[in-house]
Amino acid sequence: MSTSTDSIEIQVTSRHLLDEEIDAAVRRLQEVALLTGTHGILVTRTGPGRYTAALSDQVPFGMTRELTH
C-alpha cells in the first residue's frame, strides 16, 4: 500500500487482505478529513485486486462511498 496525504493505493491478492487494507486506509483518511471537515472518502476499484481510497469533494464529509469501474 502506498500513501500520500489524501490518497492511498491498495493492491492485494486475497479478499481477507482487501478488507483489512481498505479498513486501514479509510481510518487514515478519516483522520485527515477531520482536519478540514469538507471531504468524504471515495474507494475506487481500479483493476483486479487494485483500489484507491481518496478524499473527495464529491462525497459529503463523514461519508465513505465505493465506486467500481
PDB file of N, CA and C in Angstrom:
ATOM      1  N   MET A   1       0.851  -1.168   0.000  1.00  0.00           N
ATOM      2  CA  MET A   1       0.000   0.000   0.000  1.00  0.00           C
ATOM      3  C   MET A   1       0.896   1.231   0.000  1.00  0.00           C
ATOM      4  N   SER A   2       0.665   2.155  -0.926  1.00  0.00           N
ATOM      5  CA  SER A   2       1.394   3.417  -0.919  1.00  0.00           C
ATOM      6  C   SER A   2       0.445   4.509  -0.449  1.00  0.00           C
ATOM      7  N   THR A   3       1.000   5.534   0.197  1.00  0.00           N
ATOM      8  CA  THR A   3       0.132   6.565   0.771  1.00  0.00           C
ATOM      9  C   THR A   3       0.630   7.962   0.450  1.00  0.00           C
ATOM     10  N   SER A   4      -0.293   8.891   0.423  1.00  0.00           N
ATOM     11  CA  SER A   4       0.002  10.312   0.430  1.00  0.00           C
ATOM     12  C   SER A   4      -0.993  10.906   1.414  1.00  0.00           C
ATOM     13  N   THR A   5      -1.048  12.197   1.520  1.00  0.00           N
ATOM     14  CA  THR A   5      -1.948  12.816   2.474  1.00  0.00           C
ATOM     15  C   THR A   5      -3.407  12.574   2.139  1.00  0.00           C
ATOM     16  N   ASP A   6      -3.762  12.559   0.867  1.00  0.00           N
ATOM     17  CA  ASP A   6      -5.180  12.475   0.516  1.00  0.00           C
ATOM     18  C   ASP A   6      -5.548  11.300  -0.378  1.00  0.00           C
ATOM     19  N   SER A   7      -4.620  10.379  -0.629  1.00  0.00           N
ATOM     20  CA  SER A   7      -4.904   9.233  -1.485  1.00  0.00           C
ATOM     21  C   SER A   7      -4.047   8.042  -1.071  1.00  0.00           C
ATOM     22  N   ILE A   8      -4.650   6.855  -1.055  1.00  0.00           N
ATOM     23  CA  ILE A   8      -3.921   5.642  -0.693  1.00  0.00           C
ATOM     24  C   ILE A   8      -4.194   4.589  -1.757  1.00  0.00           C
ATOM     25  N   GLU A   9      -3.125   4.056  -2.350  1.00  0.00           N
ATOM     26  CA  GLU A   9      -3.230   2.989  -3.341  1.00  0.00           C
ATOM     27  C   GLU A   9      -3.165   1.653  -2.616  1.00  0.00           C
ATOM     28  N   ILE A  10      -4.061   0.742  -2.973  1.00  0.00           N
ATOM     29  CA  ILE A  10      -4.130  -0.572  -2.338  1.00  0.00           C
ATOM     30  C   ILE A  10      -4.017  -1.637  -3.415  1.00  0.00           C
ATOM     31  N   GLN A  11      -3.136  -2.614  -3.189  1.00  0.00           N
ATOM     32  CA  GLN A  11      -3.024  -3.759  -4.092  1.00  0.00           C
ATOM     33  C   GLN A  11      -2.938  -5.003  -3.228  1.00  0.00           C
ATOM     34  N   VAL A  12      -3.864  -5.956  -3.456  1.00  0.00           N
ATOM     35  CA  VAL A  12      -3.933  -7.166  -2.638  1.00  0.00           C
ATOM     36  C   VAL A  12      -4.157  -8.399  -3.514  1.00  0.00           C
ATOM     37  N   THR A  13      -3.924  -9.559  -2.904  1.00  0.00           N
ATOM     38  CA  THR A  13      -4.116 -10.813  -3.623  1.00  0.00           C
ATOM     39  C   THR A  13      -5.208 -11.688  -3.019  1.00  0.00           C
ATOM     40  N   SER A  14      -5.813 -11.253  -1.898  1.00  0.00           N
ATOM     41  CA  SER A  14      -6.885 -12.044  -1.295  1.00  0.00           C
ATOM     42  C   SER A  14      -7.967 -11.137  -0.723  1.00  0.00           C
ATOM     43  N   ARG A  15      -9.179 -11.649  -0.647  1.00  0.00           N
ATOM     44  CA  ARG A  15     -10.315 -10.890  -0.114  1.00  0.00           C
ATOM     45  C   ARG A  15     -10.078 -10.496   1.342  1.00  0.00           C
ATOM     46  N   HIS A  16      -9.499 -11.400   2.121  1.00  0.00           N
ATOM     47  CA  HIS A  16      -9.224 -11.113   3.527  1.00  0.00           C
ATOM     48  C   HIS A  16      -8.302  -9.895   3.652  1.00  0.00           C
ATOM     49  N   LEU A  17      -7.242  -9.872   2.870  1.00  0.00           N
ATOM     50  CA  LEU A  17      -6.327  -8.732   2.901  1.00  0.00           C
ATOM     51  C   LEU A  17      -7.003  -7.469   2.398  1.00  0.00           C
ATOM     52  N   LEU A  18      -7.871  -7.605   1.422  1.00  0.00           N
ATOM     53  CA  LEU A  18      -8.573  -6.440   0.885  1.00  0.00           C
ATOM     54  C   LEU A  18      -9.367  -5.733   1.973  1.00  0.00           C
ATOM     55  N   ASP A  19     -10.152  -6.484   2.718  1.00  0.00           N
ATOM     56  CA  ASP A  19     -10.946  -5.879   3.792  1.00  0.00           C
ATOM     57  C   ASP A  19     -10.057  -5.163   4.805  1.00  0.00           C
ATOM     58  N   GLU A  20      -8.974  -5.807   5.211  1.00  0.00           N
ATOM     59  CA  GLU A  20      -8.054  -5.195   6.172  1.00  0.00           C
ATOM     60  C   GLU A  20      -7.429  -3.915   5.628  1.00  0.00           C
ATOM     61  N   GLU A  21      -6.949  -3.964   4.396  1.00  0.00           N
ATOM     62  CA  GLU A  21      -6.269  -2.812   3.802  1.00  0.00           C
ATOM     63  C   GLU A  21      -7.229  -1.639   3.577  1.00  0.00           C
ATOM     64  N   ILE A  22      -8.437  -1.928   3.094  1.00  0.00           N
ATOM     65  CA  ILE A  22      -9.404  -0.845   2.890  1.00  0.00           C
ATOM     66  C   ILE A  22      -9.801  -0.233   4.220  1.00  0.00           C
ATOM     67  N   ASP A  23     -10.049  -1.047   5.227  1.00  0.00           N
ATOM     68  CA  ASP A  23     -10.387  -0.512   6.553  1.00  0.00           C
ATOM     69  C   ASP A  23      -9.279   0.389   7.085  1.00  0.00           C
ATOM     70  N   ALA A  24      -8.026  -0.043   6.947  1.00  0.00           N
ATOM     71  CA  ALA A  24      -6.894   0.750   7.421  1.00  0.00           C
ATOM     72  C   ALA A  24      -6.782   2.065   6.648  1.00  0.00           C
ATOM     73  N   ALA A  25      -6.972   2.006   5.340  1.00  0.00           N
ATOM     74  CA  ALA A  25      -6.888   3.217   4.513  1.00  0.00           C
ATOM     75  C   ALA A  25      -7.994   4.202   4.887  1.00  0.00           C
ATOM     76  N   VAL A  26      -9.202   3.713   5.071  1.00  0.00           N
ATOM     77  CA  VAL A  26     -10.322   4.590   5.430  1.00  0.00           C
ATOM     78  C   VAL A  26     -10.056   5.238   6.790  1.00  0.00           C
ATOM     79  N   ARG A  27      -9.545   4.485   7.752  1.00  0.00           N
ATOM     80  CA  ARG A  27      -9.239   5.077   9.068  1.00  0.00           C
ATOM     81  C   ARG A  27      -8.212   6.197   8.938  1.00  0.00           C
ATOM     82  N   ARG A  28      -7.158   5.972   8.145  1.00  0.00           N
ATOM     83  CA  ARG A  28      -6.133   7.017   7.963  1.00  0.00           C
ATOM     84  C   ARG A  28      -6.734   8.261   7.305  1.00  0.00           C
ATOM     85  N   LEU A  29      -7.549   8.049   6.278  1.00  0.00           N
ATOM     86  CA  LEU A  29      -8.144   9.189   5.582  1.00  0.00           C
ATOM     87  C   LEU A  29      -9.173   9.908   6.454  1.00  0.00           C
ATOM     88  N   GLN A  30      -9.862   9.194   7.326  1.00  0.00           N
ATOM     89  CA  GLN A  30     -10.804   9.845   8.239  1.00  0.00           C
ATOM     90  C   GLN A  30     -10.082  10.848   9.134  1.00  0.00           C
ATOM     91  N   GLU A  31      -8.886  10.496   9.584  1.00  0.00           N
ATOM     92  CA  GLU A  31      -8.097  11.412  10.403  1.00  0.00           C
ATOM     93  C   GLU A  31      -7.794  12.701   9.646  1.00  0.00           C
ATOM     94  N   VAL A  32      -7.422  12.569   8.384  1.00  0.00           N
ATOM     95  CA  VAL A  32      -7.119  13.747   7.561  1.00  0.00           C
ATOM     96  C   VAL A  32      -8.404  14.540   7.293  1.00  0.00           C
ATOM     97  N   ALA A  33      -9.493  13.846   6.979  1.00  0.00           N
ATOM     98  CA  ALA A  33     -10.763  14.519   6.679  1.00  0.00           C
ATOM     99  C   ALA A  33     -11.264  15.325   7.871  1.00  0.00           C
ATOM    100  N   LEU A  34     -11.027  14.844   9.076  1.00  0.00           N
ATOM    101  CA  LEU A  34     -11.472  15.564  10.267  1.00  0.00           C
ATOM    102  C   LEU A  34     -10.801  16.932  10.401  1.00  0.00           C
ATOM    103  N   LEU A  35      -9.612  17.073   9.831  1.00  0.00           N
ATOM    104  CA  LEU A  35      -8.895  18.349   9.915  1.00  0.00           C
ATOM    105  C   LEU A  35      -9.576  19.443   9.108  1.00  0.00           C
ATOM    106  N   THR A  36     -10.192  19.074   7.978  1.00  0.00           N
ATOM    107  CA  THR A  36     -10.815  20.081   7.122  1.00  0.00           C
ATOM    108  C   THR A  36     -12.330  20.098   7.237  1.00  0.00           C
ATOM    109  N   GLY A  37     -12.919  18.920   7.456  1.00  0.00           N
ATOM    110  CA  GLY A  37     -14.373  18.831   7.557  1.00  0.00           C
ATOM    111  C   GLY A  37     -15.093  19.106   6.251  1.00  0.00           C
ATOM    112  N   THR A  38     -14.407  18.932   5.123  1.00  0.00           N
ATOM    113  CA  THR A  38     -15.023  19.264   3.839  1.00  0.00           C
ATOM    114  C   THR A  38     -15.092  18.122   2.845  1.00  0.00           C
ATOM    115  N   HIS A  39     -14.392  17.021   3.103  1.00  0.00           N
ATOM    116  CA  HIS A  39     -14.328  15.930   2.136  1.00  0.00           C
ATOM    117  C   HIS A  39     -14.764  14.608   2.761  1.00  0.00           C
ATOM    118  N   GLY A  40     -15.396  13.779   1.934  1.00  0.00           N
ATOM    119  CA  GLY A  40     -15.670  12.406   2.306  1.00  0.00           C
ATOM    120  C   GLY A  40     -14.598  11.526   1.699  1.00  0.00           C
ATOM    121  N   ILE A  41     -14.834  10.224   1.725  1.00  0.00           N
ATOM    122  CA  ILE A  41     -13.852   9.266   1.224  1.00  0.00           C
ATOM    123  C   ILE A  41     -14.480   8.448   0.105  1.00  0.00           C
ATOM    124  N   LEU A  42     -13.751   8.322  -0.979  1.00  0.00           N
ATOM    125  CA  LEU A  42     -14.192   7.544  -2.125  1.00  0.00           C
ATOM    126  C   LEU A  42     -13.216   6.393  -2.334  1.00  0.00           C
ATOM    127  N   VAL A  43     -13.736   5.160  -2.328  1.00  0.00           N
ATOM    128  CA  VAL A  43     -12.937   3.971  -2.589  1.00  0.00           C
ATOM    129  C   VAL A  43     -13.285   3.504  -4.000  1.00  0.00           C
ATOM    130  N   THR A  44     -12.283   3.415  -4.864  1.00  0.00           N
ATOM    131  CA  THR A  44     -12.492   3.070  -6.263  1.00  0.00           C
ATOM    132  C   THR A  44     -11.711   1.817  -6.625  1.00  0.00           C
ATOM    133  N   ARG A  45     -12.398   0.848  -7.230  1.00  0.00           N
ATOM    134  CA  ARG A  45     -11.725  -0.342  -7.754  1.00  0.00           C
ATOM    135  C   ARG A  45     -11.151   0.042  -9.114  1.00  0.00           C
ATOM    136  N   THR A  46      -9.836  -0.075  -9.252  1.00  0.00           N
ATOM    137  CA  THR A  46      -9.180   0.341 -10.488  1.00  0.00           C
ATOM    138  C   THR A  46      -8.728  -0.830 -11.341  1.00  0.00           C
ATOM    139  N   GLY A  47      -8.825  -2.041 -10.803  1.00  0.00           N
ATOM    140  CA  GLY A  47      -8.434  -3.239 -11.531  1.00  0.00           C
ATOM    141  C   GLY A  47      -8.509  -4.429 -10.600  1.00  0.00           C
ATOM    142  N   PRO A  48      -8.193  -5.614 -11.094  1.00  0.00           N
ATOM    143  CA  PRO A  48      -8.224  -6.797 -10.235  1.00  0.00           C
ATOM    144  C   PRO A  48      -7.275  -6.647  -9.045  1.00  0.00           C
ATOM    145  N   GLY A  49      -7.817  -6.643  -7.844  1.00  0.00           N
ATOM    146  CA  GLY A  49      -7.000  -6.522  -6.644  1.00  0.00           C
ATOM    147  C   GLY A  49      -6.401  -5.152  -6.422  1.00  0.00           C
ATOM    148  N   ARG A  50      -6.855  -4.154  -7.182  1.00  0.00           N
ATOM    149  CA  ARG A  50      -6.288  -2.797  -7.086  1.00  0.00           C
ATOM    150  C   ARG A  50      -7.397  -1.790  -6.767  1.00  0.00           C
ATOM    151  N   TYR A  51      -7.140  -0.974  -5.749  1.00  0.00           N
ATOM    152  CA  TYR A  51      -8.112   0.019  -5.295  1.00  0.00           C
ATOM    153  C   TYR A  51      -7.386   1.306  -4.937  1.00  0.00           C
ATOM    154  N   THR A  52      -8.122   2.396  -4.983  1.00  0.00           N
ATOM    155  CA  THR A  52      -7.637   3.678  -4.490  1.00  0.00           C
ATOM    156  C   THR A  52      -8.655   4.185  -3.479  1.00  0.00           C
ATOM    157  N   ALA A  53      -8.181   4.597  -2.319  1.00  0.00           N
ATOM    158  CA  ALA A  53      -9.021   5.263  -1.322  1.00  0.00           C
ATOM    159  C   ALA A  53      -8.531   6.705  -1.273  1.00  0.00           C
ATOM    160  N   ALA A  54      -9.457   7.654  -1.440  1.00  0.00           N
ATOM    161  CA  ALA A  54      -9.037   9.049  -1.535  1.00  0.00           C
ATOM    162  C   ALA A  54     -10.075   9.983  -0.942  1.00  0.00           C
ATOM    163  N   LEU A  55      -9.595  11.123  -0.448  1.00  0.00           N
ATOM    164  CA  LEU A  55     -10.514  12.175  -0.054  1.00  0.00           C
ATOM    165  C   LEU A  55     -11.165  12.718  -1.317  1.00  0.00           C
ATOM    166  N   SER A  56     -12.462  13.031  -1.238  1.00  0.00           N
ATOM    167  CA  SER A  56     -13.176  13.504  -2.421  1.00  0.00           C
ATOM    168  C   SER A  56     -14.178  14.581  -2.043  1.00  0.00           C
ATOM    169  N   ASP A  57     -14.158  15.677  -2.802  1.00  0.00           N
ATOM    170  CA  ASP A  57     -15.167  16.721  -2.581  1.00  0.00           C
ATOM    171  C   ASP A  57     -16.504  16.325  -3.202  1.00  0.00           C
ATOM    172  N   GLN A  58     -16.552  15.188  -3.900  1.00  0.00           N
ATOM    173  CA  GLN A  58     -17.795  14.676  -4.467  1.00  0.00           C
ATOM    174  C   GLN A  58     -18.566  13.803  -3.475  1.00  0.00           C
ATOM    175  N   VAL A  59     -17.939  13.506  -2.339  1.00  0.00           N
ATOM    176  CA  VAL A  59     -18.561  12.705  -1.283  1.00  0.00           C
ATOM    177  C   VAL A  59     -18.731  13.612  -0.067  1.00  0.00           C
ATOM    178  N   PRO A  60     -19.933  13.663   0.500  1.00  0.00           N
ATOM    179  CA  PRO A  60     -20.145  14.528   1.669  1.00  0.00           C
ATOM    180  C   PRO A  60     -19.240  14.137   2.841  1.00  0.00           C
ATOM    181  N   PHE A  61     -18.814  15.139   3.590  1.00  0.00           N
ATOM    182  CA  PHE A  61     -17.999  14.920   4.776  1.00  0.00           C
ATOM    183  C   PHE A  61     -18.702  13.916   5.697  1.00  0.00           C
ATOM    184  N   GLY A  62     -17.935  12.988   6.217  1.00  0.00           N
ATOM    185  CA  GLY A  62     -18.484  11.985   7.123  1.00  0.00           C
ATOM    186  C   GLY A  62     -18.974  10.728   6.428  1.00  0.00           C
ATOM    187  N   MET A  63     -18.943  10.713   5.095  1.00  0.00           N
ATOM    188  CA  MET A  63     -19.424   9.565   4.324  1.00  0.00           C
ATOM    189  C   MET A  63     -18.253   8.878   3.623  1.00  0.00           C
ATOM    190  N   THR A  64     -18.421   7.567   3.384  1.00  0.00           N
ATOM    191  CA  THR A  64     -17.491   6.796   2.568  1.00  0.00           C
ATOM    192  C   THR A  64     -18.321   6.115   1.495  1.00  0.00           C
ATOM    193  N   ARG A  65     -17.903   6.260   0.248  1.00  0.00           N
ATOM    194  CA  ARG A  65     -18.614   5.633  -0.879  1.00  0.00           C
ATOM    195  C   ARG A  65     -17.638   4.782  -1.670  1.00  0.00           C
ATOM    196  N   GLU A  66     -18.202   3.785  -2.365  1.00  0.00           N
ATOM    197  CA  GLU A  66     -17.402   2.897  -3.208  1.00  0.00           C
ATOM    198  C   GLU A  66     -17.825   3.063  -4.663  1.00  0.00           C
ATOM    199  N   LEU A  67     -16.831   3.103  -5.546  1.00  0.00           N
ATOM    200  CA  LEU A  67     -17.060   3.210  -6.973  1.00  0.00           C
ATOM    201  C   LEU A  67     -16.295   2.102  -7.661  1.00  0.00           C
ATOM    202  N   THR A  68     -16.948   1.346  -8.541  1.00  0.00           N
ATOM    203  CA  THR A  68     -16.237   0.299  -9.286  1.00  0.00           C
ATOM    204  C   THR A  68     -16.286   0.642 -10.774  1.00  0.00           C
ATOM    205  N   HIS A  69     -15.203   0.341 -11.443  1.00  0.00           N
ATOM    206  CA  HIS A  69     -15.113   0.587 -12.896  1.00  0.00           C
ATOM    207  C   HIS A  69     -15.221  -0.709 -13.635  1.00  0.00           C
TER     208      HIS A  69
END
